[in-house]
Each structure stands twice: as C-alpha cells, then as structure tokens.
PDB file of N, CA and C in Angstrom:
ATOM      1  N   MET A   1       1.330  12.685  -7.003  1.00  0.00           N
ATOM      2  CA  MET A   1       2.517  12.150  -7.625  1.00  0.00           C
ATOM      3  C   MET A   1       2.489  10.617  -7.697  1.00  0.00           C
ATOM      4  N   ARG A   2       1.803   9.993  -6.741  1.00  0.00           N
ATOM      5  CA  ARG A   2       1.733   8.528  -6.772  1.00  0.00           C
ATOM      6  C   ARG A   2       1.098   8.043  -8.059  1.00  0.00           C
ATOM      7  N   HIS A   3       0.146   8.821  -8.547  1.00  0.00           N
ATOM      8  CA  HIS A   3      -0.561   8.420  -9.755  1.00  0.00           C
ATOM      9  C   HIS A   3       0.314   8.555 -10.992  1.00  0.00           C
ATOM     10  N   LEU A   4       1.301   9.432 -10.930  1.00  0.00           N
ATOM     11  CA  LEU A   4       2.212   9.597 -12.052  1.00  0.00           C
ATOM     12  C   LEU A   4       2.973   8.309 -12.330  1.00  0.00           C
ATOM     13  N   LEU A   5       3.471   7.673 -11.288  1.00  0.00           N
ATOM     14  CA  LEU A   5       4.194   6.417 -11.480  1.00  0.00           C
ATOM     15  C   LEU A   5       3.260   5.336 -11.998  1.00  0.00           C
ATOM     16  N   ALA A   6       2.068   5.246 -11.433  1.00  0.00           N
ATOM     17  CA  ALA A   6       1.110   4.238 -11.886  1.00  0.00           C
ATOM     18  C   ALA A   6       0.773   4.460 -13.360  1.00  0.00           C
ATOM     19  N   LEU A   7       0.575   5.705 -13.745  1.00  0.00           N
ATOM     20  CA  LEU A   7       0.278   6.021 -15.137  1.00  0.00           C
ATOM     21  C   LEU A   7       1.439   5.635 -16.035  1.00  0.00           C
ATOM     22  N   LEU A   8       2.649   5.952 -15.608  1.00  0.00           N
ATOM     23  CA  LEU A   8       3.830   5.622 -16.385  1.00  0.00           C
ATOM     24  C   LEU A   8       3.975   4.116 -16.555  1.00  0.00           C
ATOM     25  N   LEU A   9       3.713   3.378 -15.488  1.00  0.00           N
ATOM     26  CA  LEU A   9       3.846   1.925 -15.543  1.00  0.00           C
ATOM     27  C   LEU A   9       2.822   1.293 -16.477  1.00  0.00           C
ATOM     28  N   VAL A  10       1.631   1.849 -16.530  1.00  0.00           N
ATOM     29  CA  VAL A  10       0.585   1.309 -17.383  1.00  0.00           C
ATOM     30  C   VAL A  10       0.748   1.801 -18.819  1.00  0.00           C
ATOM     31  N   ALA A  11       1.307   2.980 -18.993  1.00  0.00           N
ATOM     32  CA  ALA A  11       1.411   3.575 -20.320  1.00  0.00           C
ATOM     33  C   ALA A  11       2.491   2.947 -21.185  1.00  0.00           C
ATOM     34  N   LEU A  12       3.398   2.204 -20.601  1.00  0.00           N
ATOM     35  CA  LEU A  12       4.512   1.642 -21.363  1.00  0.00           C
ATOM     36  C   LEU A  12       4.555   0.114 -21.344  1.00  0.00           C
ATOM     37  N   PRO A  13       3.423  -0.569 -21.538  1.00  0.00           N
ATOM     38  CA  PRO A  13       3.455  -2.031 -21.444  1.00  0.00           C
ATOM     39  C   PRO A  13       4.240  -2.669 -22.597  1.00  0.00           C
ATOM     40  N   VAL A  14       4.916  -3.745 -22.273  1.00  0.00           N
ATOM     41  CA  VAL A  14       5.648  -4.532 -23.257  1.00  0.00           C
ATOM     42  C   VAL A  14       5.306  -5.988 -22.992  1.00  0.00           C
ATOM     43  N   VAL A  15       5.116  -6.750 -24.028  1.00  0.00           N
ATOM     44  CA  VAL A  15       4.792  -8.157 -23.859  1.00  0.00           C
ATOM     45  C   VAL A  15       5.921  -8.856 -23.117  1.00  0.00           C
ATOM     46  N   ALA A  16       5.585  -9.586 -22.061  1.00  0.00           N
ATOM     47  CA  ALA A  16       6.600 -10.207 -21.204  1.00  0.00           C
ATOM     48  C   ALA A  16       7.516 -11.142 -21.981  1.00  0.00           C
ATOM     49  N   ASN A  17       6.997 -11.827 -22.963  1.00  0.00           N
ATOM     50  CA  ASN A  17       7.825 -12.768 -23.722  1.00  0.00           C
ATOM     51  C   ASN A  17       8.889 -12.063 -24.549  1.00  0.00           C
ATOM     52  N   ALA A  18       8.712 -10.800 -24.830  1.00  0.00           N
ATOM     53  CA  ALA A  18       9.681 -10.053 -25.627  1.00  0.00           C
ATOM     54  C   ALA A  18      10.845  -9.549 -24.780  1.00  0.00           C
ATOM     55  N   GLN A  19      10.773  -9.748 -23.494  1.00  0.00           N
ATOM     56  CA  GLN A  19      11.822  -9.260 -22.607  1.00  0.00           C
ATOM     57  C   GLN A  19      12.953 -10.279 -22.546  1.00  0.00           C
ATOM     58  N   THR A  20      14.093  -9.894 -23.070  1.00  0.00           N
ATOM     59  CA  THR A  20      15.197 -10.840 -23.130  1.00  0.00           C
ATOM     60  C   THR A  20      16.291 -10.538 -22.122  1.00  0.00           C
ATOM     61  N   THR A  21      16.395  -9.305 -21.673  1.00  0.00           N
ATOM     62  CA  THR A  21      17.442  -8.948 -20.733  1.00  0.00           C
ATOM     63  C   THR A  21      16.813  -8.410 -19.457  1.00  0.00           C
ATOM     64  N   ALA A  22      16.383  -9.309 -18.608  1.00  0.00           N
ATOM     65  CA  ALA A  22      15.637  -8.923 -17.419  1.00  0.00           C
ATOM     66  C   ALA A  22      16.525  -8.418 -16.302  1.00  0.00           C
ATOM     67  N   GLY A  23      17.804  -8.685 -16.311  1.00  0.00           N
ATOM     68  CA  GLY A  23      18.661  -8.248 -15.217  1.00  0.00           C
ATOM     69  C   GLY A  23      18.743  -9.295 -14.129  1.00  0.00           C
ATOM     70  N   ASP A  24      19.436  -8.958 -13.070  1.00  0.00           N
ATOM     71  CA  ASP A  24      19.698  -9.857 -11.956  1.00  0.00           C
ATOM     72  C   ASP A  24      18.856  -9.411 -10.760  1.00  0.00           C
ATOM     73  N   ALA A  25      17.828 -10.190 -10.438  1.00  0.00           N
ATOM     74  CA  ALA A  25      16.907  -9.820  -9.362  1.00  0.00           C
ATOM     75  C   ALA A  25      17.608  -9.759  -8.005  1.00  0.00           C
ATOM     76  N   THR A  26      18.587 -10.616  -7.768  1.00  0.00           N
ATOM     77  CA  THR A  26      19.307 -10.605  -6.490  1.00  0.00           C
ATOM     78  C   THR A  26      20.100  -9.304  -6.334  1.00  0.00           C
ATOM     79  N   ALA A  27      20.800  -8.918  -7.391  1.00  0.00           N
ATOM     80  CA  ALA A  27      21.531  -7.645  -7.363  1.00  0.00           C
ATOM     81  C   ALA A  27      20.560  -6.480  -7.247  1.00  0.00           C
ATOM     82  N   GLY A  28      19.417  -6.573  -7.925  1.00  0.00           N
ATOM     83  CA  GLY A  28      18.406  -5.528  -7.854  1.00  0.00           C
ATOM     84  C   GLY A  28      17.837  -5.374  -6.458  1.00  0.00           C
ATOM     85  N   HIS A  29      17.665  -6.486  -5.755  1.00  0.00           N
ATOM     86  CA  HIS A  29      17.177  -6.434  -4.373  1.00  0.00           C
ATOM     87  C   HIS A  29      18.176  -5.689  -3.496  1.00  0.00           C
ATOM     88  N   ALA A  30      19.451  -5.999  -3.658  1.00  0.00           N
ATOM     89  CA  ALA A  30      20.483  -5.313  -2.873  1.00  0.00           C
ATOM     90  C   ALA A  30      20.498  -3.812  -3.182  1.00  0.00           C
ATOM     91  N   LEU A  31      20.397  -3.458  -4.454  1.00  0.00           N
ATOM     92  CA  LEU A  31      20.358  -2.040  -4.831  1.00  0.00           C
ATOM     93  C   LEU A  31      19.116  -1.356  -4.259  1.00  0.00           C
ATOM     94  N   ALA A  32      17.977  -2.028  -4.339  1.00  0.00           N
ATOM     95  CA  ALA A  32      16.726  -1.454  -3.832  1.00  0.00           C
ATOM     96  C   ALA A  32      16.807  -1.232  -2.324  1.00  0.00           C
ATOM     97  N   ARG A  33      17.381  -2.185  -1.612  1.00  0.00           N
ATOM     98  CA  ARG A  33      17.533  -2.011  -0.154  1.00  0.00           C
ATOM     99  C   ARG A  33      18.456  -0.838   0.151  1.00  0.00           C
ATOM    100  N   GLN A  34      19.510  -0.687  -0.645  1.00  0.00           N
ATOM    101  CA  GLN A  34      20.481   0.380  -0.418  1.00  0.00           C
ATOM    102  C   GLN A  34      19.927   1.750  -0.793  1.00  0.00           C
ATOM    103  N   TRP A  35      19.310   1.873  -1.971  1.00  0.00           N
ATOM    104  CA  TRP A  35      18.944   3.174  -2.507  1.00  0.00           C
ATOM    105  C   TRP A  35      17.471   3.527  -2.396  1.00  0.00           C
ATOM    106  N   CYS A  36      16.598   2.546  -2.312  1.00  0.00           N
ATOM    107  CA  CYS A  36      15.161   2.818  -2.413  1.00  0.00           C
ATOM    108  C   CYS A  36      14.398   2.683  -1.102  1.00  0.00           C
ATOM    109  N   SER A  37      14.948   1.934  -0.141  1.00  0.00           N
ATOM    110  CA  SER A  37      14.189   1.582   1.057  1.00  0.00           C
ATOM    111  C   SER A  37      13.923   2.743   2.004  1.00  0.00           C
ATOM    112  N   SER A  38      14.598   3.864   1.825  1.00  0.00           N
ATOM    113  CA  SER A  38      14.302   5.004   2.694  1.00  0.00           C
ATOM    114  C   SER A  38      12.961   5.646   2.331  1.00  0.00           C
ATOM    115  N   CYS A  39      12.484   5.405   1.109  1.00  0.00           N
ATOM    116  CA  CYS A  39      11.199   5.971   0.680  1.00  0.00           C
ATOM    117  C   CYS A  39      10.175   4.915   0.285  1.00  0.00           C
ATOM    118  N   HIS A  40      10.650   3.754  -0.192  1.00  0.00           N
ATOM    119  CA  HIS A  40       9.757   2.720  -0.710  1.00  0.00           C
ATOM    120  C   HIS A  40       9.790   1.479   0.171  1.00  0.00           C
ATOM    121  N   VAL A  41       8.701   0.739   0.159  1.00  0.00           N
ATOM    122  CA  VAL A  41       8.660  -0.565   0.802  1.00  0.00           C
ATOM    123  C   VAL A  41       9.183  -1.554  -0.241  1.00  0.00           C
ATOM    124  N   VAL A  42      10.422  -2.011  -0.056  1.00  0.00           N
ATOM    125  CA  VAL A  42      11.047  -2.864  -1.070  1.00  0.00           C
ATOM    126  C   VAL A  42      10.905  -4.349  -0.770  1.00  0.00           C
ATOM    127  N   ASP A  43      10.706  -4.702   0.506  1.00  0.00           N
ATOM    128  CA  ASP A  43      10.554  -6.109   0.876  1.00  0.00           C
ATOM    129  C   ASP A  43       9.907  -6.208   2.256  1.00  0.00           C
ATOM    130  N   ALA A  44       9.746  -7.418   2.739  1.00  0.00           N
ATOM    131  CA  ALA A  44       9.082  -7.631   4.028  1.00  0.00           C
ATOM    132  C   ALA A  44       9.850  -7.018   5.193  1.00  0.00           C
ATOM    133  N   ALA A  45      11.153  -6.805   5.028  1.00  0.00           N
ATOM    134  CA  ALA A  45      11.961  -6.221   6.103  1.00  0.00           C
ATOM    135  C   ALA A  45      11.832  -4.699   6.156  1.00  0.00           C
ATOM    136  N   SER A  46      11.216  -4.092   5.135  1.00  0.00           N
ATOM    137  CA  SER A  46      11.034  -2.645   5.095  1.00  0.00           C
ATOM    138  C   SER A  46       9.866  -2.236   5.985  1.00  0.00           C
ATOM    139  N   PRO A  47       9.819  -0.975   6.363  1.00  0.00           N
ATOM    140  CA  PRO A  47       8.664  -0.498   7.126  1.00  0.00           C
ATOM    141  C   PRO A  47       7.382  -0.685   6.323  1.00  0.00           C
ATOM    142  N   ALA A  48       6.263  -0.792   7.008  1.00  0.00           N
ATOM    143  CA  ALA A  48       4.982  -0.989   6.329  1.00  0.00           C
ATOM    144  C   ALA A  48       4.668   0.172   5.390  1.00  0.00           C
ATOM    145  N   ARG A  49       5.101   1.360   5.720  1.00  0.00           N
ATOM    146  CA  ARG A  49       4.902   2.535   4.872  1.00  0.00           C
ATOM    147  C   ARG A  49       6.132   3.406   5.015  1.00  0.00           C
ATOM    148  N   ALA A  50       6.910   3.520   3.966  1.00  0.00           N
ATOM    149  CA  ALA A  50       8.157   4.269   4.055  1.00  0.00           C
ATOM    150  C   ALA A  50       7.911   5.774   4.095  1.00  0.00           C
ATOM    151  N   THR A  51       7.195   6.312   3.121  1.00  0.00           N
ATOM    152  CA  THR A  51       6.860   7.734   3.118  1.00  0.00           C
ATOM    153  C   THR A  51       5.501   7.926   2.470  1.00  0.00           C
ATOM    154  N   ASP A  52       4.927   9.080   2.672  1.00  0.00           N
ATOM    155  CA  ASP A  52       3.637   9.390   2.056  1.00  0.00           C
ATOM    156  C   ASP A  52       3.759   9.767   0.590  1.00  0.00           C
ATOM    157  N   VAL A  53       4.950  10.165   0.151  1.00  0.00           N
ATOM    158  CA  VAL A  53       5.108  10.605  -1.230  1.00  0.00           C
ATOM    159  C   VAL A  53       5.507   9.473  -2.174  1.00  0.00           C
ATOM    160  N   ALA A  54       5.957   8.364  -1.644  1.00  0.00           N
ATOM    161  CA  ALA A  54       6.379   7.247  -2.485  1.00  0.00           C
ATOM    162  C   ALA A  54       5.175   6.402  -2.876  1.00  0.00           C
ATOM    163  N   PRO A  55       5.247   5.744  -4.039  1.00  0.00           N
ATOM    164  CA  PRO A  55       4.155   4.847  -4.438  1.00  0.00           C
ATOM    165  C   PRO A  55       4.094   3.648  -3.500  1.00  0.00           C
ATOM    166  N   PRO A  56       3.101   2.798  -3.688  1.00  0.00           N
ATOM    167  CA  PRO A  56       2.966   1.637  -2.818  1.00  0.00           C
ATOM    168  C   PRO A  56       4.213   0.760  -2.872  1.00  0.00           C
ATOM    169  N   GLY A  57       4.231  -0.246  -2.061  1.00  0.00           N
ATOM    170  CA  GLY A  57       5.371  -1.147  -2.018  1.00  0.00           C
ATOM    171  C   GLY A  57       5.692  -1.757  -3.375  1.00  0.00           C
ATOM    172  N   PHE A  58       6.924  -2.219  -3.506  1.00  0.00           N
ATOM    173  CA  PHE A  58       7.365  -2.803  -4.772  1.00  0.00           C
ATOM    174  C   PHE A  58       6.506  -4.004  -5.170  1.00  0.00           C
ATOM    175  N   ALA A  59       6.032  -4.789  -4.208  1.00  0.00           N
ATOM    176  CA  ALA A  59       5.176  -5.933  -4.540  1.00  0.00           C
ATOM    177  C   ALA A  59       3.862  -5.455  -5.153  1.00  0.00           C
ATOM    178  N   ALA A  60       3.307  -4.352  -4.640  1.00  0.00           N
ATOM    179  CA  ALA A  60       2.070  -3.799  -5.196  1.00  0.00           C
ATOM    180  C   ALA A  60       2.297  -3.266  -6.607  1.00  0.00           C
ATOM    181  N   ILE A  61       3.452  -2.650  -6.829  1.00  0.00           N
ATOM    182  CA  ILE A  61       3.781  -2.166  -8.172  1.00  0.00           C
ATOM    183  C   ILE A  61       3.883  -3.351  -9.128  1.00  0.00           C
ATOM    184  N   ALA A  62       4.560  -4.412  -8.704  1.00  0.00           N
ATOM    185  CA  ALA A  62       4.744  -5.596  -9.548  1.00  0.00           C
ATOM    186  C   ALA A  62       3.415  -6.236  -9.919  1.00  0.00           C
ATOM    187  N   ALA A  63       2.423  -6.147  -9.038  1.00  0.00           N
ATOM    188  CA  ALA A  63       1.130  -6.794  -9.263  1.00  0.00           C
ATOM    189  C   ALA A  63       0.207  -5.989 -10.181  1.00  0.00           C
ATOM    190  N   GLN A  64       0.566  -4.760 -10.519  1.00  0.00           N
ATOM    191  CA  GLN A  64      -0.290  -3.934 -11.369  1.00  0.00           C
ATOM    192  C   GLN A  64      -0.306  -4.476 -12.793  1.00  0.00           C
ATOM    193  N   PRO A  65      -1.478  -4.496 -13.416  1.00  0.00           N
ATOM    194  CA  PRO A  65      -1.554  -4.942 -14.819  1.00  0.00           C
ATOM    195  C   PRO A  65      -0.717  -4.030 -15.714  1.00  0.00           C
ATOM    196  N   GLY A  66      -0.067  -4.603 -16.688  1.00  0.00           N
ATOM    197  CA  GLY A  66       0.703  -3.827 -17.651  1.00  0.00           C
ATOM    198  C   GLY A  66       2.123  -3.505 -17.234  1.00  0.00           C
ATOM    199  N   VAL A  67       2.494  -3.847 -16.019  1.00  0.00           N
ATOM    200  CA  VAL A  67       3.864  -3.586 -15.582  1.00  0.00           C
ATOM    201  C   VAL A  67       4.794  -4.540 -16.316  1.00  0.00           C
ATOM    202  N   SER A  68       5.852  -3.976 -16.877  1.00  0.00           N
ATOM    203  CA  SER A  68       6.806  -4.774 -17.646  1.00  0.00           C
ATOM    204  C   SER A  68       8.220  -4.304 -17.331  1.00  0.00           C
ATOM    205  N   LEU A  69       9.174  -5.041 -17.826  1.00  0.00           N
ATOM    206  CA  LEU A  69      10.570  -4.653 -17.664  1.00  0.00           C
ATOM    207  C   LEU A  69      10.800  -3.253 -18.217  1.00  0.00           C
ATOM    208  N   GLU A  70      10.288  -2.987 -19.394  1.00  0.00           N
ATOM    209  CA  GLU A  70      10.515  -1.682 -20.015  1.00  0.00           C
ATOM    210  C   GLU A  70       9.797  -0.562 -19.272  1.00  0.00           C
ATOM    211  N   SER A  71       8.586  -0.805 -18.798  1.00  0.00           N
ATOM    212  CA  SER A  71       7.889   0.262 -18.061  1.00  0.00           C
ATOM    213  C   SER A  71       8.589   0.549 -16.741  1.00  0.00           C
ATOM    214  N   LEU A  72       9.119  -0.483 -16.101  1.00  0.00           N
ATOM    215  CA  LEU A  72       9.867  -0.274 -14.862  1.00  0.00           C
ATOM    216  C   LEU A  72      11.179   0.452 -15.126  1.00  0.00           C
ATOM    217  N   ARG A  73      11.860   0.074 -16.190  1.00  0.00           N
ATOM    218  CA  ARG A  73      13.096   0.783 -16.559  1.00  0.00           C
ATOM    219  C   ARG A  73      12.805   2.273 -16.758  1.00  0.00           C
ATOM    220  N   ALA A  74      11.731   2.566 -17.478  1.00  0.00           N
ATOM    221  CA  ALA A  74      11.366   3.960 -17.739  1.00  0.00           C
ATOM    222  C   ALA A  74      11.034   4.682 -16.434  1.00  0.00           C
ATOM    223  N   ALA A  75      10.323   4.022 -15.537  1.00  0.00           N
ATOM    224  CA  ALA A  75       9.940   4.648 -14.274  1.00  0.00           C
ATOM    225  C   ALA A  75      11.164   4.958 -13.420  1.00  0.00           C
ATOM    226  N   VAL A  76      12.116   4.034 -13.386  1.00  0.00           N
ATOM    227  CA  VAL A  76      13.316   4.249 -12.577  1.00  0.00           C
ATOM    228  C   VAL A  76      14.177   5.361 -13.176  1.00  0.00           C
ATOM    229  N   GLN A  77      14.237   5.439 -14.495  1.00  0.00           N
ATOM    230  CA  GLN A  77      15.074   6.436 -15.166  1.00  0.00           C
ATOM    231  C   GLN A  77      14.471   7.833 -15.157  1.00  0.00           C
ATOM    232  N   THR A  78      13.154   7.930 -15.010  1.00  0.00           N
ATOM    233  CA  THR A  78      12.463   9.203 -15.120  1.00  0.00           C
ATOM    234  C   THR A  78      12.353   9.873 -13.760  1.00  0.00           C
ATOM    235  N   LYS A  79      12.880  11.069 -13.650  1.00  0.00           N
ATOM    236  CA  LYS A  79      12.754  11.817 -12.398  1.00  0.00           C
ATOM    237  C   LYS A  79      11.292  12.198 -12.232  1.00  0.00           C
ATOM    238  N   HIS A  80      10.738  11.893 -11.077  1.00  0.00           N
ATOM    239  CA  HIS A  80       9.344  12.208 -10.806  1.00  0.00           C
ATOM    240  C   HIS A  80       9.162  12.492  -9.326  1.00  0.00           C
ATOM    241  N   GLY A  81       8.304  13.433  -9.053  1.00  0.00           N
ATOM    242  CA  GLY A  81       8.050  13.774  -7.658  1.00  0.00           C
ATOM    243  C   GLY A  81       9.329  14.196  -6.960  1.00  0.00           C
ATOM    244  N   GLN A  82       9.514  13.681  -5.775  1.00  0.00           N
ATOM    245  CA  GLN A  82      10.686  14.026  -4.977  1.00  0.00           C
ATOM    246  C   GLN A  82      11.770  12.960  -5.062  1.00  0.00           C
ATOM    247  N   MET A  83      11.673  12.078  -6.041  1.00  0.00           N
ATOM    248  CA  MET A  83      12.654  11.007  -6.166  1.00  0.00           C
ATOM    249  C   MET A  83      14.012  11.582  -6.535  1.00  0.00           C
ATOM    250  N   PRO A  84      15.047  11.257  -5.748  1.00  0.00           N
ATOM    251  CA  PRO A  84      16.396  11.745  -6.083  1.00  0.00           C
ATOM    252  C   PRO A  84      16.904  11.097  -7.364  1.00  0.00           C
ATOM    253  N   ASP A  85      17.836  11.742  -7.996  1.00  0.00           N
ATOM    254  CA  ASP A  85      18.444  11.218  -9.214  1.00  0.00           C
ATOM    255  C   ASP A  85      19.701  10.441  -8.817  1.00  0.00           C
ATOM    256  N   PHE A  86      19.553   9.124  -8.681  1.00  0.00           N
ATOM    257  CA  PHE A  86      20.677   8.291  -8.242  1.00  0.00           C
ATOM    258  C   PHE A  86      21.669   8.006  -9.353  1.00  0.00           C
ATOM    259  N   ARG A  87      21.278   8.223 -10.591  1.00  0.00           N
ATOM    260  CA  ARG A  87      22.150   7.966 -11.738  1.00  0.00           C
ATOM    261  C   ARG A  87      22.605   6.506 -11.785  1.00  0.00           C
ATOM    262  N   LEU A  88      21.650   5.615 -11.664  1.00  0.00           N
ATOM    263  CA  LEU A  88      21.961   4.192 -11.801  1.00  0.00           C
ATOM    264  C   LEU A  88      22.312   3.919 -13.255  1.00  0.00           C
ATOM    265  N   ASP A  89      23.259   3.004 -13.477  1.00  0.00           N
ATOM    266  CA  ASP A  89      23.592   2.683 -14.855  1.00  0.00           C
ATOM    267  C   ASP A  89      22.547   1.716 -15.422  1.00  0.00           C
ATOM    268  N   ARG A  90      22.647   1.467 -16.700  1.00  0.00           N
ATOM    269  CA  ARG A  90      21.657   0.644 -17.419  1.00  0.00           C
ATOM    270  C   ARG A  90      21.488  -0.735 -16.777  1.00  0.00           C
ATOM    271  N   ASN A  91      22.591  -1.367 -16.399  1.00  0.00           N
ATOM    272  CA  ASN A  91      22.514  -2.693 -15.783  1.00  0.00           C
ATOM    273  C   ASN A  91      21.845  -2.631 -14.415  1.00  0.00           C
ATOM    274  N   GLN A  92      22.167  -1.612 -13.630  1.00  0.00           N
ATOM    275  CA  GLN A  92      21.564  -1.478 -12.305  1.00  0.00           C
ATOM    276  C   GLN A  92      20.059  -1.236 -12.416  1.00  0.00           C
ATOM    277  N   ILE A  93      19.659  -0.434 -13.379  1.00  0.00           N
ATOM    278  CA  ILE A  93      18.234  -0.196 -13.601  1.00  0.00           C
ATOM    279  C   ILE A  93      17.544  -1.507 -13.975  1.00  0.00           C
ATOM    280  N   GLY A  94      18.174  -2.282 -14.843  1.00  0.00           N
ATOM    281  CA  GLY A  94      17.623  -3.590 -15.219  1.00  0.00           C
ATOM    282  C   GLY A  94      17.536  -4.531 -14.028  1.00  0.00           C
ATOM    283  N   ASP A  95      18.518  -4.465 -13.153  1.00  0.00           N
ATOM    284  CA  ASP A  95      18.520  -5.316 -11.964  1.00  0.00           C
ATOM    285  C   ASP A  95      17.374  -4.947 -11.018  1.00  0.00           C
ATOM    286  N   VAL A  96      17.170  -3.646 -10.793  1.00  0.00           N
ATOM    287  CA  VAL A  96      16.074  -3.206  -9.920  1.00  0.00           C
ATOM    288  C   VAL A  96      14.733  -3.599 -10.536  1.00  0.00           C
ATOM    289  N   ALA A  97      14.594  -3.411 -11.843  1.00  0.00           N
ATOM    290  CA  ALA A  97      13.354  -3.796 -12.524  1.00  0.00           C
ATOM    291  C   ALA A  97      13.125  -5.306 -12.411  1.00  0.00           C
ATOM    292  N   ALA A  98      14.185  -6.088 -12.584  1.00  0.00           N
ATOM    293  CA  ALA A  98      14.060  -7.543 -12.460  1.00  0.00           C
ATOM    294  C   ALA A  98      13.638  -7.937 -11.051  1.00  0.00           C
ATOM    295  N   TYR A  99      14.172  -7.254 -10.045  1.00  0.00           N
ATOM    296  CA  TYR A  99      13.768  -7.536  -8.670  1.00  0.00           C
ATOM    297  C   TYR A  99      12.281  -7.244  -8.470  1.00  0.00           C
ATOM    298  N   ILE A 100      11.845  -6.083  -8.940  1.00  0.00           N
ATOM    299  CA  ILE A 100      10.420  -5.744  -8.784  1.00  0.00           C
ATOM    300  C   ILE A 100       9.550  -6.785  -9.474  1.00  0.00           C
ATOM    301  N   LEU A 101       9.912  -7.170 -10.690  1.00  0.00           N
ATOM    302  CA  LEU A 101       9.129  -8.186 -11.407  1.00  0.00           C
ATOM    303  C   LEU A 101       9.139  -9.529 -10.690  1.00  0.00           C
ATOM    304  N   SER A 102      10.216  -9.824  -9.962  1.00  0.00           N
ATOM    305  CA  SER A 102      10.285 -11.106  -9.234  1.00  0.00           C
ATOM    306  C   SER A 102       9.276 -11.160  -8.083  1.00  0.00           C
ATOM    307  N   LEU A 103       8.696 -10.026  -7.732  1.00  0.00           N
ATOM    308  CA  LEU A 103       7.723  -9.963  -6.635  1.00  0.00           C
ATOM    309  C   LEU A 103       6.294 -10.214  -7.081  1.00  0.00           C
ATOM    310  N   ARG A 104       6.105 -10.472  -8.367  1.00  0.00           N
ATOM    311  CA  ARG A 104       4.742 -10.752  -8.845  1.00  0.00           C
ATOM    312  C   ARG A 104       4.152 -11.943  -8.136  1.00  0.00           C
ATOM    313  N   PRO A 105       2.856 -11.843  -7.837  1.00  0.00           N
ATOM    314  CA  PRO A 105       2.205 -12.983  -7.156  1.00  0.00           C
ATOM    315  C   PRO A 105       2.094 -14.202  -8.050  1.00  0.00           C
TER     316      PRO A 105
END
C-alpha cells in the first residue's frame, strides 16, 4: 500500500508555478498533528515510525520528485489502504498539502 501513495504522488505532477492556491501551511501543520500523526510522521515531534502501513514521513513525501499541490490534494482525498475517511473540506486539504510542501529540503 505504501507504493500506492508514491505512485499517486508521481502520477499527478503539476508545475509548481501553476499553483496559485497553496493553502495555509501553519493550519495544515495543526491539522496534520491532530488527524495524521497517529499513523504518519508529520514533524520532528512525531515518533520516528508511526505505523508500518503508513507511507514515510511527510518530509520524505515532500522530497519526492513530482510531488505537487494537486498530487497531494488527490492523495489526501483518495481513500487508500487503511487510511480513515476524515472528510476534510477543500480548504483543509489545501492546508495539509501546503504544510507537506513546506517540508521540502
């Protein structure tokens, strides 16, 4: 299942300059800590490995070639593996995606 997310992130690349509504990375960080940290490594304060079924940490996802705002939005919106359906609204999804993108090296 980890490969499904990686495939999804690479399959939906969008040119970074075309991204006009990136969301609020600070709000996205708060949402990620609240909703995602039980399974994902969202920041340095998270466990080194949250679960075996979750993809690598958010910083590793951000560093993958082809990751874009749109591919992250699609990944968050798409139910995959054992990921619960949190039903985040469009703005919240954009905020989480913006937070992940803010982790790029």
